[in-house]
Protein backbone atom coordinates (compact mmCIF):
# COMPACT_ATOMS: atom_id res chain seq x y z
CA MET A 1 -20.60 -3.31 11.19
CA TYR A 2 -20.30 -3.66 7.50
CA LEU A 3 -22.10 -6.68 5.49
CA ARG A 4 -19.38 -9.32 5.88
CA GLN A 5 -19.01 -8.46 9.54
CA ARG A 6 -22.69 -9.01 10.06
CA VAL A 7 -22.50 -12.37 8.11
CA LYS A 8 -19.58 -13.34 10.31
CA ALA A 9 -21.56 -12.44 13.30
CA VAL A 10 -24.59 -14.53 12.10
CA LEU A 11 -22.19 -17.43 11.20
CA ASN A 12 -20.63 -17.24 14.88
CA GLN A 13 -23.99 -17.49 16.47
CA ALA A 14 -25.16 -20.46 14.39
CA MET A 15 -22.05 -22.29 15.63
CA GLU A 16 -22.52 -21.36 19.06
CA ASP A 17 -26.20 -22.81 18.75
CA LEU A 18 -24.53 -26.21 17.47
CA LYS A 19 -22.51 -26.27 20.55
CA ALA A 20 -25.62 -25.68 22.73
CA ASP A 21 -27.26 -28.76 20.96
CA GLY A 22 -24.24 -30.59 21.65
CA VAL A 23 -23.32 -31.05 17.87
CA VAL A 24 -20.10 -29.08 18.35
CA PRO A 25 -18.03 -29.93 21.50
CA ALA A 26 -17.89 -26.72 23.70
CA GLU A 27 -14.05 -26.47 23.64
CA VAL A 28 -13.84 -26.65 19.80
CA GLN A 29 -12.45 -22.96 18.55
CA VAL A 30 -12.51 -22.65 14.84
CA GLN A 31 -11.97 -19.47 12.69
CA PRO A 32 -13.94 -20.37 9.39
CA ASP A 33 -13.33 -18.23 6.10
CA VAL A 34 -16.17 -16.04 4.64
CA GLU A 35 -15.38 -15.20 1.16
CA HIS A 36 -16.94 -14.25 -2.03
CA PRO A 37 -17.65 -17.31 -4.32
CA THR A 38 -15.98 -17.15 -7.78
CA SER A 39 -19.20 -17.34 -9.43
CA PRO A 40 -22.35 -15.08 -8.23
CA GLU A 41 -24.76 -18.08 -8.68
CA HIS A 42 -23.05 -19.44 -5.77
CA GLY A 43 -24.14 -16.60 -3.39
CA ASP A 44 -22.84 -13.45 -2.20
CA TYR A 45 -20.63 -15.24 0.52
CA ALA A 46 -19.53 -18.92 1.03
CA THR A 47 -18.00 -20.41 4.12
CA ASN A 48 -16.00 -23.50 4.89
CA ALA A 49 -17.10 -23.81 8.65
CA ALA A 50 -18.50 -27.12 7.95
CA MET A 51 -15.19 -28.48 6.73
CA LYS A 52 -13.29 -27.09 9.63
CA LEU A 53 -15.95 -28.43 12.20
CA ALA A 54 -16.08 -32.00 10.60
CA LYS A 55 -12.91 -33.51 12.19
CA PRO A 56 -13.57 -32.40 15.75
CA CYS A 57 -17.18 -33.28 15.43
CA ARG A 58 -16.38 -36.57 14.08
CA GLN A 59 -19.12 -35.96 11.42
CA SER A 60 -18.83 -35.75 7.52
CA PRO A 61 -18.51 -32.01 6.29
CA LYS A 62 -21.91 -32.52 4.70
CA ALA A 63 -23.80 -33.43 7.93
CA ILE A 64 -22.21 -30.59 9.68
CA ALA A 65 -23.22 -28.39 6.84
CA GLU A 66 -26.84 -29.53 6.83
CA LYS A 67 -27.16 -28.73 10.53
CA LEU A 68 -25.56 -25.48 10.32
CA LYS A 69 -27.82 -24.44 7.34
CA ILE A 70 -30.66 -24.58 9.77
CA LYS A 71 -29.26 -22.45 12.35
CA LEU A 72 -28.13 -19.91 9.69
CA GLU A 73 -31.61 -19.75 8.46
CA ALA A 74 -33.04 -19.09 11.99
CA ARG A 75 -30.24 -16.64 12.90
CA GLY A 76 -30.06 -14.87 9.63
CA GLN A 77 -33.58 -13.47 9.04
CA GLY A 78 -33.36 -10.14 7.52
CA ILE A 79 -29.83 -10.70 6.47
CA LEU A 80 -29.77 -13.90 4.67
CA ALA A 81 -32.42 -14.56 2.13
CA ARG A 82 -31.20 -18.03 1.16
CA VAL A 83 -28.77 -20.72 2.58
CA GLU A 84 -27.49 -23.64 0.54
CA VAL A 85 -25.29 -26.65 1.06
CA ALA A 86 -23.01 -27.12 -1.94
CA GLY A 87 -20.40 -29.72 -2.93
CA PRO A 88 -18.70 -31.62 0.03
CA GLY A 89 -19.81 -29.33 2.53
CA PHE A 90 -19.49 -25.70 1.70
CA VAL A 91 -22.26 -23.43 2.60
CA ASN A 92 -23.19 -20.75 0.30
CA LEU A 93 -25.06 -17.64 1.60
CA TYR A 94 -27.15 -15.29 -0.25
CA LEU A 95 -27.93 -11.92 1.07
CA HIS A 96 -31.54 -10.65 1.48
CA PRO A 97 -32.20 -7.61 -0.53
CA SER A 98 -33.28 -5.57 2.66
CA ALA A 99 -29.52 -6.23 3.92
CA LEU A 100 -28.26 -4.57 0.69
CA MET A 101 -30.60 -1.63 1.06
CA GLN A 102 -29.30 -1.06 4.78
CA GLU A 103 -25.81 -1.22 3.49
CA LEU A 104 -26.52 1.27 0.62
CA GLN A 105 -28.11 3.66 3.13
CA SER A 106 -24.91 3.33 5.40
CA VAL A 107 -22.83 4.25 2.33
CA ARG A 108 -24.66 7.71 2.13
CA VAL A 109 -25.12 8.22 5.73
CA ARG A 110 -21.48 7.78 6.47
CA SER A 111 -20.28 9.56 3.31
CA GLU A 112 -16.65 10.34 3.64
CA ALA A 113 -16.06 7.83 6.80
CA TYR A 114 -17.71 5.00 4.60
CA GLY A 115 -15.23 2.15 4.49
CA THR A 116 -13.24 3.32 7.63
CA ASP A 117 -13.03 0.92 10.59
CA ALA A 118 -11.39 0.84 14.04
CA TRP A 119 -10.07 -2.75 14.16
CA GLY A 120 -6.47 -1.46 13.97
CA ALA A 121 -6.80 0.98 16.91
CA GLY A 122 -3.92 0.52 19.44
CA ARG A 123 -1.59 -0.41 16.80
CA ARG A 124 1.46 1.89 16.42
CA LEU A 125 3.29 1.20 13.06
CA LEU A 126 6.29 3.09 11.50
CA LEU A 127 6.34 2.94 7.66
CA GLU A 128 9.59 3.35 6.06
CA PHE A 129 9.78 3.83 2.10
CA VAL A 130 11.69 5.29 -0.71
CA SER A 131 14.64 5.98 1.38
CA ALA A 132 16.91 6.24 -1.93
CA ASN A 133 20.46 7.17 -1.50
CA PRO A 134 20.72 10.90 -1.83
CA VAL A 135 23.44 10.82 -4.67
CA GLY A 136 20.90 11.46 -7.55
CA PRO A 137 17.36 12.08 -8.47
CA LEU A 138 14.68 9.57 -7.46
CA ASN A 139 14.08 6.87 -10.14
CA ILE A 140 11.11 5.07 -11.13
CA VAL A 141 11.44 2.22 -8.73
CA SER A 142 11.43 4.97 -5.94
CA ALA A 143 8.26 6.32 -7.54
CA ARG A 144 6.68 3.00 -7.37
CA ALA A 145 7.71 2.64 -3.57
CA ALA A 146 6.43 6.09 -2.80
CA ALA A 147 3.06 5.38 -4.52
CA VAL A 148 2.48 1.99 -2.74
CA GLY A 149 4.10 3.46 0.66
CA ASP A 150 1.69 6.37 0.85
CA THR A 151 -1.37 4.59 -0.19
CA LEU A 152 -0.57 1.85 2.37
CA ALA A 153 -0.36 4.40 4.99
CA ARG A 154 -3.63 6.02 4.01
CA VAL A 155 -5.22 2.54 4.07
CA LEU A 156 -3.97 1.67 7.41
CA ARG A 157 -5.07 4.82 8.80
CA SER A 158 -8.44 4.33 7.42
CA GLN A 159 -8.73 1.00 9.67
CA GLY A 160 -7.72 2.79 12.71
CA VAL A 161 -3.81 2.11 12.79
CA HIS A 162 -1.66 4.82 14.01
CA VAL A 163 0.80 5.26 11.02
CA GLU A 164 3.90 7.40 10.72
CA LYS A 165 5.62 7.51 7.60
CA GLU A 166 9.64 8.05 7.55
CA TYR A 167 12.36 8.48 4.89
CA TYR A 168 15.86 7.10 6.09
CA VAL A 169 18.46 9.38 4.59
CA ASN A 170 21.79 7.29 3.86
CA ASP A 171 24.16 10.15 4.35
CA ALA A 172 27.00 8.34 6.08
CA GLY A 173 27.88 5.42 3.78
CA ASN A 174 30.47 5.14 1.01
CA GLN A 175 27.90 6.06 -1.64
CA ALA A 176 27.66 9.60 -0.16
CA LYS A 177 31.33 9.83 -0.10
CA LEU A 178 31.73 8.48 -3.66
CA PHE A 179 29.17 11.25 -4.61
CA GLY A 180 31.33 13.85 -3.02
CA ARG A 181 34.35 12.96 -4.90
CA SER A 182 32.28 12.64 -8.18
CA LEU A 183 30.92 16.28 -7.64
CA TYR A 184 34.62 17.47 -6.86
CA ALA A 185 36.06 15.89 -10.03
CA ARG A 186 33.26 17.58 -12.20
CA TRP A 187 33.86 21.11 -10.49
CA ARG A 188 37.73 20.85 -11.38
CA GLN A 189 36.76 19.63 -14.69
CA SER A 190 34.46 22.76 -15.24
CA LEU A 191 37.55 24.89 -14.18
CA GLY A 192 39.58 23.15 -17.38
CA GLU A 193 41.37 20.63 -15.18
CA ASP A 194 42.02 17.07 -16.09
CA VAL A 195 40.46 15.54 -13.09
CA PRO A 196 38.77 12.18 -13.74
CA VAL A 197 35.67 11.01 -12.06
CA PRO A 198 36.31 8.11 -9.76
CA GLU A 199 35.96 4.57 -11.04
CA GLU A 200 32.16 3.60 -10.18
CA GLY A 201 31.53 7.30 -9.68
CA TYR A 202 28.39 9.12 -10.72
CA GLN A 203 27.69 10.40 -14.13
CA GLY A 204 25.03 12.25 -15.87
CA GLU A 205 24.23 15.94 -16.72
CA TYR A 206 22.67 16.41 -13.06
CA VAL A 207 26.15 15.66 -11.45
CA ALA A 208 27.69 18.59 -13.35
CA ALA A 209 24.57 20.96 -12.49
CA CYS A 210 24.89 19.96 -8.68
CA ALA A 211 28.76 20.48 -8.72
CA ALA A 212 28.30 24.05 -9.94
CA GLU A 213 25.57 24.73 -7.32
CA CYS A 214 27.62 23.34 -4.48
CA ALA A 215 30.76 25.18 -5.69
CA GLN A 216 28.77 28.39 -5.87
CA ALA A 217 27.06 28.00 -2.34
CA ARG A 218 30.57 27.01 -0.51
CA ALA A 219 32.98 28.99 -2.59
CA ALA A 220 34.62 30.51 0.37
CA GLU A 221 35.27 27.31 2.07
CA LEU A 222 36.60 25.70 -1.11
CA LYS A 223 38.96 28.39 -1.67
CA ASN A 224 41.80 26.98 0.64
CA ALA A 225 40.48 23.59 1.17
CA SER A 226 42.69 20.42 0.52
CA VAL A 227 41.41 17.87 -1.87
CA GLU A 228 40.05 15.71 0.97
CA GLN A 229 38.43 18.76 2.65
CA ALA A 230 36.71 19.89 -0.71
CA ALA A 231 35.41 16.43 -1.43
CA GLU A 232 33.77 16.44 1.95
CA ILE A 233 32.21 19.85 1.20
CA PHE A 234 30.84 18.61 -1.89
CA ARG A 235 29.61 15.39 0.10
CA SER A 236 27.73 17.37 2.57
CA GLU A 237 26.26 20.11 0.24
CA GLY A 238 25.49 17.62 -2.54
CA VAL A 239 23.67 15.30 -0.32
CA ALA A 240 21.72 18.11 1.32
CA ARG A 241 20.78 19.43 -2.24
CA MET A 242 19.81 15.90 -3.43
CA VAL A 243 17.46 15.45 -0.19
CA ALA A 244 15.76 18.82 -0.83
CA SER A 245 15.21 17.72 -4.46
CA HIS A 246 13.57 14.42 -3.16
CA ARG A 247 11.33 16.27 -0.69
CA HIS A 248 10.38 18.47 -3.67
CA ASP A 249 9.74 15.67 -6.16
CA LEU A 250 7.80 13.74 -3.34
CA ALA A 251 5.47 16.42 -2.57
CA GLU A 252 4.63 17.00 -6.27
CA PHE A 253 3.67 13.28 -6.24
CA GLY A 254 1.36 13.87 -3.27
CA VAL A 255 3.72 12.40 -0.69
CA GLU A 256 4.52 13.85 2.51
CA PHE A 257 6.96 12.27 5.20
CA ASP A 258 6.38 12.61 9.19
CA HIS A 259 10.08 12.07 9.56
CA TRP A 260 13.31 12.47 7.76
CA PHE A 261 15.82 10.35 9.62
CA SER A 262 19.52 10.86 9.10
CA GLU A 263 21.81 7.86 9.12
CA LEU A 264 24.71 10.28 10.50
CA THR A 265 22.73 10.76 13.67
CA LEU A 266 23.26 7.14 14.48
CA HIS A 267 26.96 7.10 14.33
CA GLU A 268 27.34 10.65 15.96
CA SER A 269 25.12 9.79 18.95
CA GLY A 270 26.55 6.49 19.58
CA GLN A 271 23.64 4.21 18.75
CA VAL A 272 25.64 2.09 16.42
CA GLN A 273 27.85 0.91 19.28
CA ALA A 274 24.88 0.87 21.78
CA ALA A 275 23.14 -1.56 19.37
CA LEU A 276 26.14 -3.71 19.41
CA ASP A 277 26.34 -3.79 23.05
CA ASP A 278 22.76 -4.66 23.34
CA LEU A 279 23.47 -7.76 21.11
CA LYS A 280 26.60 -8.54 23.09
CA THR A 281 24.76 -8.41 26.18
CA ARG A 282 21.99 -10.90 24.97
CA GLY A 283 24.79 -13.23 23.69
CA TYR A 284 24.60 -12.71 20.15
CA ILE A 285 28.02 -11.36 19.36
CA PHE A 286 31.35 -13.00 18.91
CA GLU A 287 34.75 -12.23 17.35
CA HIS A 288 36.40 -14.24 14.59
CA GLU A 289 39.69 -13.43 12.73
CA GLY A 290 39.56 -9.79 14.07
CA ALA A 291 36.04 -8.94 13.03
CA ILE A 292 32.87 -8.87 15.27
CA TRP A 293 30.01 -11.04 14.14
CA PHE A 294 26.35 -11.38 14.67
CA LYS A 295 24.87 -14.91 15.46
CA SER A 296 22.13 -14.53 12.79
CA THR A 297 21.89 -18.20 11.98
CA GLU A 298 20.27 -18.74 15.37
CA PHE A 299 17.20 -16.86 13.96
CA GLY A 300 17.01 -18.82 10.56
CA ASP A 301 19.68 -16.73 8.51
CA ASP A 302 21.81 -18.85 6.19
CA LYS A 303 25.20 -17.60 7.68
CA ASP A 304 26.30 -15.45 10.47
CA ARG A 305 27.14 -11.71 9.61
CA VAL A 306 29.91 -9.51 10.03
CA LEU A 307 28.98 -6.40 11.84
CA ILE A 308 32.41 -4.61 12.35
CA LYS A 309 35.07 -5.56 9.80
CA ALA A 310 38.69 -6.54 10.80
CA ASP A 311 39.82 -2.92 10.09
CA GLY A 312 37.55 -1.48 12.56
CA VAL A 313 34.92 -0.13 9.81
CA PRO A 314 31.16 -0.97 10.53
CA ALA A 315 29.46 -3.08 7.95
CA TYR A 316 26.20 -1.52 6.42
CA ILE A 317 24.07 -3.89 8.63
CA ALA A 318 25.50 -2.45 11.80
CA ALA A 319 23.96 0.94 11.25
CA ASP A 320 20.65 -0.86 9.89
CA VAL A 321 20.55 -2.76 13.23
CA ALA A 322 20.79 0.56 15.13
CA TYR A 323 18.25 2.21 12.98
CA HIS A 324 15.44 -0.44 13.47
CA ARG A 325 16.48 -0.66 17.38
CA ASN A 326 15.88 3.01 17.48
CA LYS A 327 12.46 2.92 15.77
CA PHE A 328 11.37 0.42 18.39
CA ASN A 329 12.81 2.45 21.12
CA ARG A 330 10.61 5.63 19.84
CA GLY A 331 7.39 3.49 20.90
CA PHE A 332 6.54 1.82 17.80
CA THR A 333 5.39 -1.62 18.10
CA GLU A 334 5.45 -2.77 14.34
CA LEU A 335 7.84 -1.61 11.53
CA VAL A 336 7.06 -2.13 7.88
CA ASP A 337 9.76 -1.01 5.35
CA ILE A 338 9.48 -0.87 1.76
CA TRP A 339 12.88 -1.99 -0.18
CA GLY A 340 14.04 -2.00 -3.78
CA PRO A 341 14.33 -5.18 -5.82
CA ASP A 342 18.00 -5.74 -5.04
CA HIS A 343 17.62 -5.90 -1.27
CA HIS A 344 15.73 -9.34 -1.14
CA GLY A 345 18.58 -11.10 0.50
CA TYR A 346 18.88 -8.80 3.16
CA ILE A 347 15.51 -9.53 4.83
CA ALA A 348 16.71 -12.67 6.81
CA ARG A 349 19.49 -10.93 8.47
CA MET A 350 17.45 -8.09 9.47
CA LYS A 351 14.53 -10.06 10.84
CA ALA A 352 17.14 -12.00 12.76
CA SER A 353 18.64 -8.80 14.34
CA MET A 354 15.23 -7.85 15.56
CA GLN A 355 14.40 -11.09 17.17
CA ALA A 356 17.84 -11.32 18.68
CA LEU A 357 17.11 -7.62 20.26
CA GLY A 358 13.84 -9.25 21.72
CA HIS A 359 11.05 -8.75 19.25
CA GLU A 360 8.43 -10.86 17.79
CA ALA A 361 9.32 -12.13 14.29
CA ASP A 362 6.30 -10.51 12.78
CA ALA A 363 6.81 -7.11 14.25
CA PHE A 364 9.20 -6.34 11.44
CA ARG A 365 7.96 -6.66 7.93
CA VAL A 366 9.30 -5.99 4.48
CA LEU A 367 7.70 -5.31 1.31
CA ILE A 368 9.74 -5.59 -2.10
CA ALA A 369 8.95 -2.91 -4.78
CA GLN A 370 9.87 -4.86 -7.70
CA GLN A 371 11.52 -3.68 -10.87
CA VAL A 372 9.53 -1.15 -13.36
CA ASN A 373 10.23 -1.30 -16.97
CA LEU A 374 9.12 1.69 -19.02
CA MET A 375 7.49 0.73 -22.25
CA GLU A 376 7.13 2.74 -25.42
CA ASN A 377 6.00 1.42 -28.60
CA GLY A 378 6.01 -1.93 -27.34
CA GLN A 379 9.70 -1.83 -26.34
CA PRO A 380 11.60 -1.06 -23.11
CA VAL A 381 12.76 2.42 -22.74
CA ALA A 382 16.73 2.27 -22.94
CA MET A 383 18.60 3.48 -19.55
CA SER A 384 21.95 3.26 -18.18
CA LYS A 385 22.54 3.91 -14.56
CA ARG A 386 26.38 3.77 -15.10
CA ALA A 387 25.94 6.48 -17.85
CA GLY A 388 23.66 8.39 -15.85
CA ILE A 389 20.83 7.91 -18.46
CA PHE A 390 17.64 7.36 -16.95
CA ILE A 391 14.06 8.77 -16.41
CA THR A 392 13.54 10.23 -13.13
CA MET A 393 10.31 10.23 -11.02
CA ALA A 394 10.05 14.01 -11.86
CA ASP A 395 10.31 13.29 -15.45
CA LEU A 396 7.50 10.52 -15.36
CA ILE A 397 5.21 12.76 -13.33
CA LYS A 398 5.70 15.69 -15.81
CA ASP A 399 4.96 13.32 -18.55
CA VAL A 400 2.11 11.45 -17.64
CA GLY A 401 0.65 13.28 -14.49
CA ARG A 402 0.45 12.60 -10.69
CA ASP A 403 -2.86 10.68 -10.89
CA VAL A 404 -2.01 8.18 -13.68
CA ALA A 405 1.48 7.51 -12.24
CA ARG A 406 0.15 6.73 -8.88
CA PHE A 407 -2.67 4.44 -10.22
CA PHE A 408 -0.40 2.64 -12.89
CA PHE A 409 2.19 1.79 -10.01
CA LEU A 410 -0.80 0.31 -8.00
CA MET A 411 -2.06 -2.14 -10.86
CA ARG A 412 0.24 -4.88 -9.94
CA SER A 413 1.08 -6.52 -6.68
CA THR A 414 4.09 -4.71 -5.30
CA ASP A 415 6.37 -7.80 -5.50
CA ALA A 416 5.50 -8.41 -9.07
CA HIS A 417 7.46 -6.84 -11.80
CA LEU A 418 5.65 -3.88 -13.75
CA ASP A 419 5.72 -3.06 -17.21
CA PHE A 420 4.70 0.75 -17.33
CA ASP A 421 2.96 1.31 -20.50
CA LEU A 422 3.93 5.03 -21.28
CA ASP A 423 1.61 4.90 -24.48
CA LEU A 424 -1.43 3.97 -22.56
CA ALA A 425 -0.54 6.23 -19.67
CA ARG A 426 -0.41 9.17 -21.92
CA LYS A 427 -4.05 8.51 -23.39
CA HIS A 428 -6.70 11.08 -22.11
CA THR A 429 -9.59 8.50 -22.85
CA ASP A 430 -11.30 5.68 -20.98
CA GLU A 431 -8.59 3.19 -22.36
CA ASN A 432 -6.52 4.79 -19.62
CA PRO A 433 -7.64 2.92 -16.39
CA VAL A 434 -7.30 5.96 -14.05
CA PHE A 435 -9.33 7.99 -16.54
CA TYR A 436 -11.76 4.95 -16.81
CA VAL A 437 -12.37 5.25 -13.02
CA GLN A 438 -12.44 9.11 -12.81
CA TYR A 439 -14.73 9.14 -15.79
CA ALA A 440 -17.26 7.15 -13.82
CA HIS A 441 -17.17 9.35 -10.72
CA ALA A 442 -17.58 12.52 -13.04
CA ARG A 443 -20.36 11.06 -15.03
CA ILE A 444 -22.32 10.45 -11.98
CA CYS A 445 -21.69 14.11 -11.01
CA SER A 446 -22.90 14.98 -14.25
CA ILE A 447 -26.23 13.10 -13.95
CA LEU A 448 -26.63 14.36 -10.34
CA ARG A 449 -26.49 18.18 -11.60
CA LYS A 450 -28.56 17.40 -14.56
CA ALA A 451 -31.36 15.82 -11.95
CA ALA A 452 -31.19 18.86 -9.77
CA GLY A 453 -31.58 21.09 -12.50
CA GLU A 454 -34.77 19.26 -13.82
CA GLY A 455 -36.28 19.36 -10.33
CA TRP A 456 -35.56 15.61 -9.53
CA VAL A 457 -35.09 15.12 -5.67
CA LEU A 458 -32.44 13.11 -4.10
CA CYS A 459 -33.81 11.33 -1.33
CA GLU A 460 -32.20 12.00 2.14
CA ALA A 461 -29.28 9.97 3.09
CA ASN A 462 -30.96 8.00 5.73
CA ALA A 463 -34.16 7.04 3.67
CA THR A 464 -34.56 4.05 1.90
CA PRO A 465 -35.66 4.24 -1.77
CA GLU A 466 -39.04 2.78 -2.16
CA LEU A 467 -39.57 0.49 -5.26
CA THR A 468 -42.46 -1.21 -6.48
CA GLN A 469 -40.43 -3.81 -8.54
CA PRO A 470 -37.30 -5.58 -7.42
CA TRP A 471 -34.02 -4.28 -8.43
CA ALA A 472 -32.80 -5.27 -11.85
CA PRO A 473 -29.76 -7.61 -12.00
CA GLU A 474 -27.42 -4.81 -13.23
CA GLU A 475 -28.62 -2.77 -10.23
CA LEU A 476 -27.85 -5.58 -7.73
CA ALA A 477 -24.41 -6.23 -9.16
CA VAL A 478 -23.26 -2.76 -8.67
CA ILE A 479 -24.96 -2.53 -5.05
CA ARG A 480 -22.86 -5.90 -4.22
CA SER A 481 -19.85 -4.09 -5.78
CA LEU A 482 -20.17 -0.78 -3.91
CA THR A 483 -20.76 -2.17 -0.53
CA SER A 484 -17.67 -4.40 -0.77
CA LEU A 485 -15.44 -1.43 -0.02
CA PRO A 486 -14.89 -1.81 3.64
CA GLU A 487 -13.88 -5.69 3.17
CA ILE A 488 -11.53 -4.64 0.26
CA LEU A 489 -9.72 -2.02 2.78
CA GLU A 490 -9.74 -4.40 5.65
CA ALA A 491 -7.85 -6.79 3.29
CA ALA A 492 -5.42 -4.40 2.00
CA ALA A 493 -4.60 -3.04 5.48
CA ARG A 494 -4.29 -6.70 7.04
CA ASN A 495 -2.24 -8.19 4.07
CA LEU A 496 -0.37 -4.93 3.32
CA GLU A 497 -1.63 -5.13 -0.36
CA PRO A 498 -2.82 -1.64 -1.53
CA HIS A 499 -2.95 -2.59 -5.04
CA GLY A 500 -6.41 -4.55 -4.22
CA LEU A 501 -7.88 -1.17 -3.97
CA ALA A 502 -6.78 0.11 -7.44
CA PHE A 503 -8.30 -3.43 -8.83
CA TYR A 504 -11.53 -2.82 -6.95
CA LEU A 505 -12.25 0.66 -8.24
CA ARG A 506 -11.70 -0.53 -11.77
CA ASP A 507 -14.05 -3.24 -11.20
CA LEU A 508 -16.72 -1.00 -9.54
CA ALA A 509 -16.44 1.53 -12.72
CA THR A 510 -17.14 -1.49 -14.95
CA GLU A 511 -20.15 -2.33 -13.09
CA PHE A 512 -21.29 1.41 -13.06
CA HIS A 513 -20.83 1.74 -16.73
CA ARG A 514 -22.73 -1.76 -17.38
CA PHE A 515 -25.54 -0.63 -15.10
CA TYR A 516 -25.69 2.95 -16.87
CA THR A 517 -25.78 1.23 -20.46
CA VAL A 518 -28.77 -0.91 -19.39
CA CYS A 519 -30.64 1.16 -16.76
CA ARG A 520 -32.05 4.65 -17.65
CA VAL A 521 -31.45 6.86 -14.57
CA LEU A 522 -33.96 9.64 -15.08
CA ASP A 523 -37.27 8.30 -16.48
CA SER A 524 -40.32 10.44 -16.07
CA GLU A 525 -42.48 7.36 -16.60
CA ASP A 526 -41.22 5.60 -13.35
CA LYS A 527 -40.38 8.50 -10.78
CA LYS A 528 -39.90 6.00 -8.01
CA ARG A 529 -37.26 3.82 -9.81
CA SER A 530 -35.67 7.11 -10.87
CA GLU A 531 -35.43 8.33 -7.36
CA ALA A 532 -33.88 5.10 -6.10
CA ARG A 533 -31.21 4.93 -8.99
CA LEU A 534 -30.42 8.67 -8.02
CA ALA A 535 -29.62 7.39 -4.38
CA LEU A 536 -27.70 4.45 -5.98
CA ILE A 537 -25.30 6.34 -8.07
CA ASP A 538 -24.86 8.89 -5.28
CA ALA A 539 -23.55 6.01 -3.14
CA ILE A 540 -21.45 4.85 -6.11
CA ARG A 541 -20.18 8.28 -6.34
CA ILE A 542 -19.28 8.26 -2.70
CA VAL A 543 -17.28 4.85 -2.85
CA LEU A 544 -15.34 5.99 -5.93
CA ARG A 545 -14.46 9.30 -4.31
CA ASN A 546 -13.41 7.51 -1.13
CA GLY A 547 -11.32 4.91 -2.84
CA LEU A 548 -9.51 7.34 -4.97
CA ASP A 549 -8.82 9.72 -2.18
CA LEU A 550 -7.12 6.83 -0.44
CA LEU A 551 -4.97 6.12 -3.50
CA GLY A 552 -4.08 9.73 -3.43
CA ILE A 553 -5.85 10.40 -6.68
CA GLY A 554 -8.27 13.24 -7.61
CA ALA A 555 -12.02 12.51 -8.21
CA PRO A 556 -12.99 15.04 -10.76
CA ASP A 557 -16.66 16.44 -10.91
CA SER A 558 -16.20 16.72 -14.54
CA MET A 559 -13.77 15.73 -17.51
């Protein structure tokens, strides 16, 4: 167990002791919070257990807190140095230095495994993200979804969850057909013919380039093809080429998918109709004005939804219902999708459809990757989707690098708009947040190399550094910070909020730099202290490396 788990265990034992004394009724079950106080002066942890126990115990929170304090002091020997009652009944908990030392030792013993846990074992989760229409290069919103999704998968796996990553290829809809007609028009234009690109068609130089490649690859088939046949050839070949470019660009971004799922297969295999039949059997389908509707209002949606239009053409939601039904049928017990900012209104109807098919409401969750604004010289970079003028994911990676792009996309909550500062991202100084964190790791590696060259001995991982004087405040602060990694990862996994890890690493780097400024690591006049500090910075190195690895970012030994 890591530190907060040990503290929670002590708290649970103390509450059981209160039950044994008759202070708390035996049937009372509460789940108190154990959190870090805003100010370190109020302890390493604080709990609202007394507040939650007060009502069922028919006592004031403060009275319960005083009784709980006595039990915590008895149960927490070796873990808690001090217990205090604060305010109306909060209980502040101060860790014993020996508990911090044990955790510091655990960091070095477990090394790459530090921060991992198994509480998520037994869960089978399918994480779908990016899933951009295969009609053009991946844009920066897709890049943000890629960074978030890949990091989230890494974090969930670190906590024992079985996660598979999937990309849904929208190759059967109107957008793909429109892309095919746009390619066809650009090809004919290249032959000197006056063939206009369809209204709302796709523009940009990439369309002309893709049209030329498609025409060359499928020249024999195009020779005698009708307009309709040629447009279909361009649709098929163009989509395949776009999907291949997506695979390549994502791999360059450090993102690999376990599955690439084609929407076409849903229609060709009859799964769309099977999903409709399933809903009909369950009583959630009705006909109105020639169309087939889903009773989504029975599950909280604001209105019922058309599945099959009056002309017999399936609405987009029909394939989406079939697709998510397919996911559950493959044995996944949880589905998490990351969608773009224009899909927020789609969530309620999809959650309704999964409930109608017999799944729990929280078995399907959606994260929205909000809009990204590229900023340069303090101004938004001008882009136009209609004119085909935009910065692609590949452009961004080439400009600022994979590590920087991934870190910047994780510096804000996924559901918050992000201003991506290109000027800051291009800086190769510690002003750049990712270099600031990487520099902390590289500096530690440099110190350890210097120590080895001068004959200093780094104590064994399972050894506890010996000190004649207590740890300095700056040392304790960085120890508390580095030993928080397991709870940071647990929170990120449970809340599906991987950005918390990026925040944490930046804070840890700050604590390290503050410590390094005040505390001399290699001091020939205090050998024991230096050896202890070498063990400490080695632990910081491990935590920084583990955290950066989960973000999909390198941890350089030198910079």
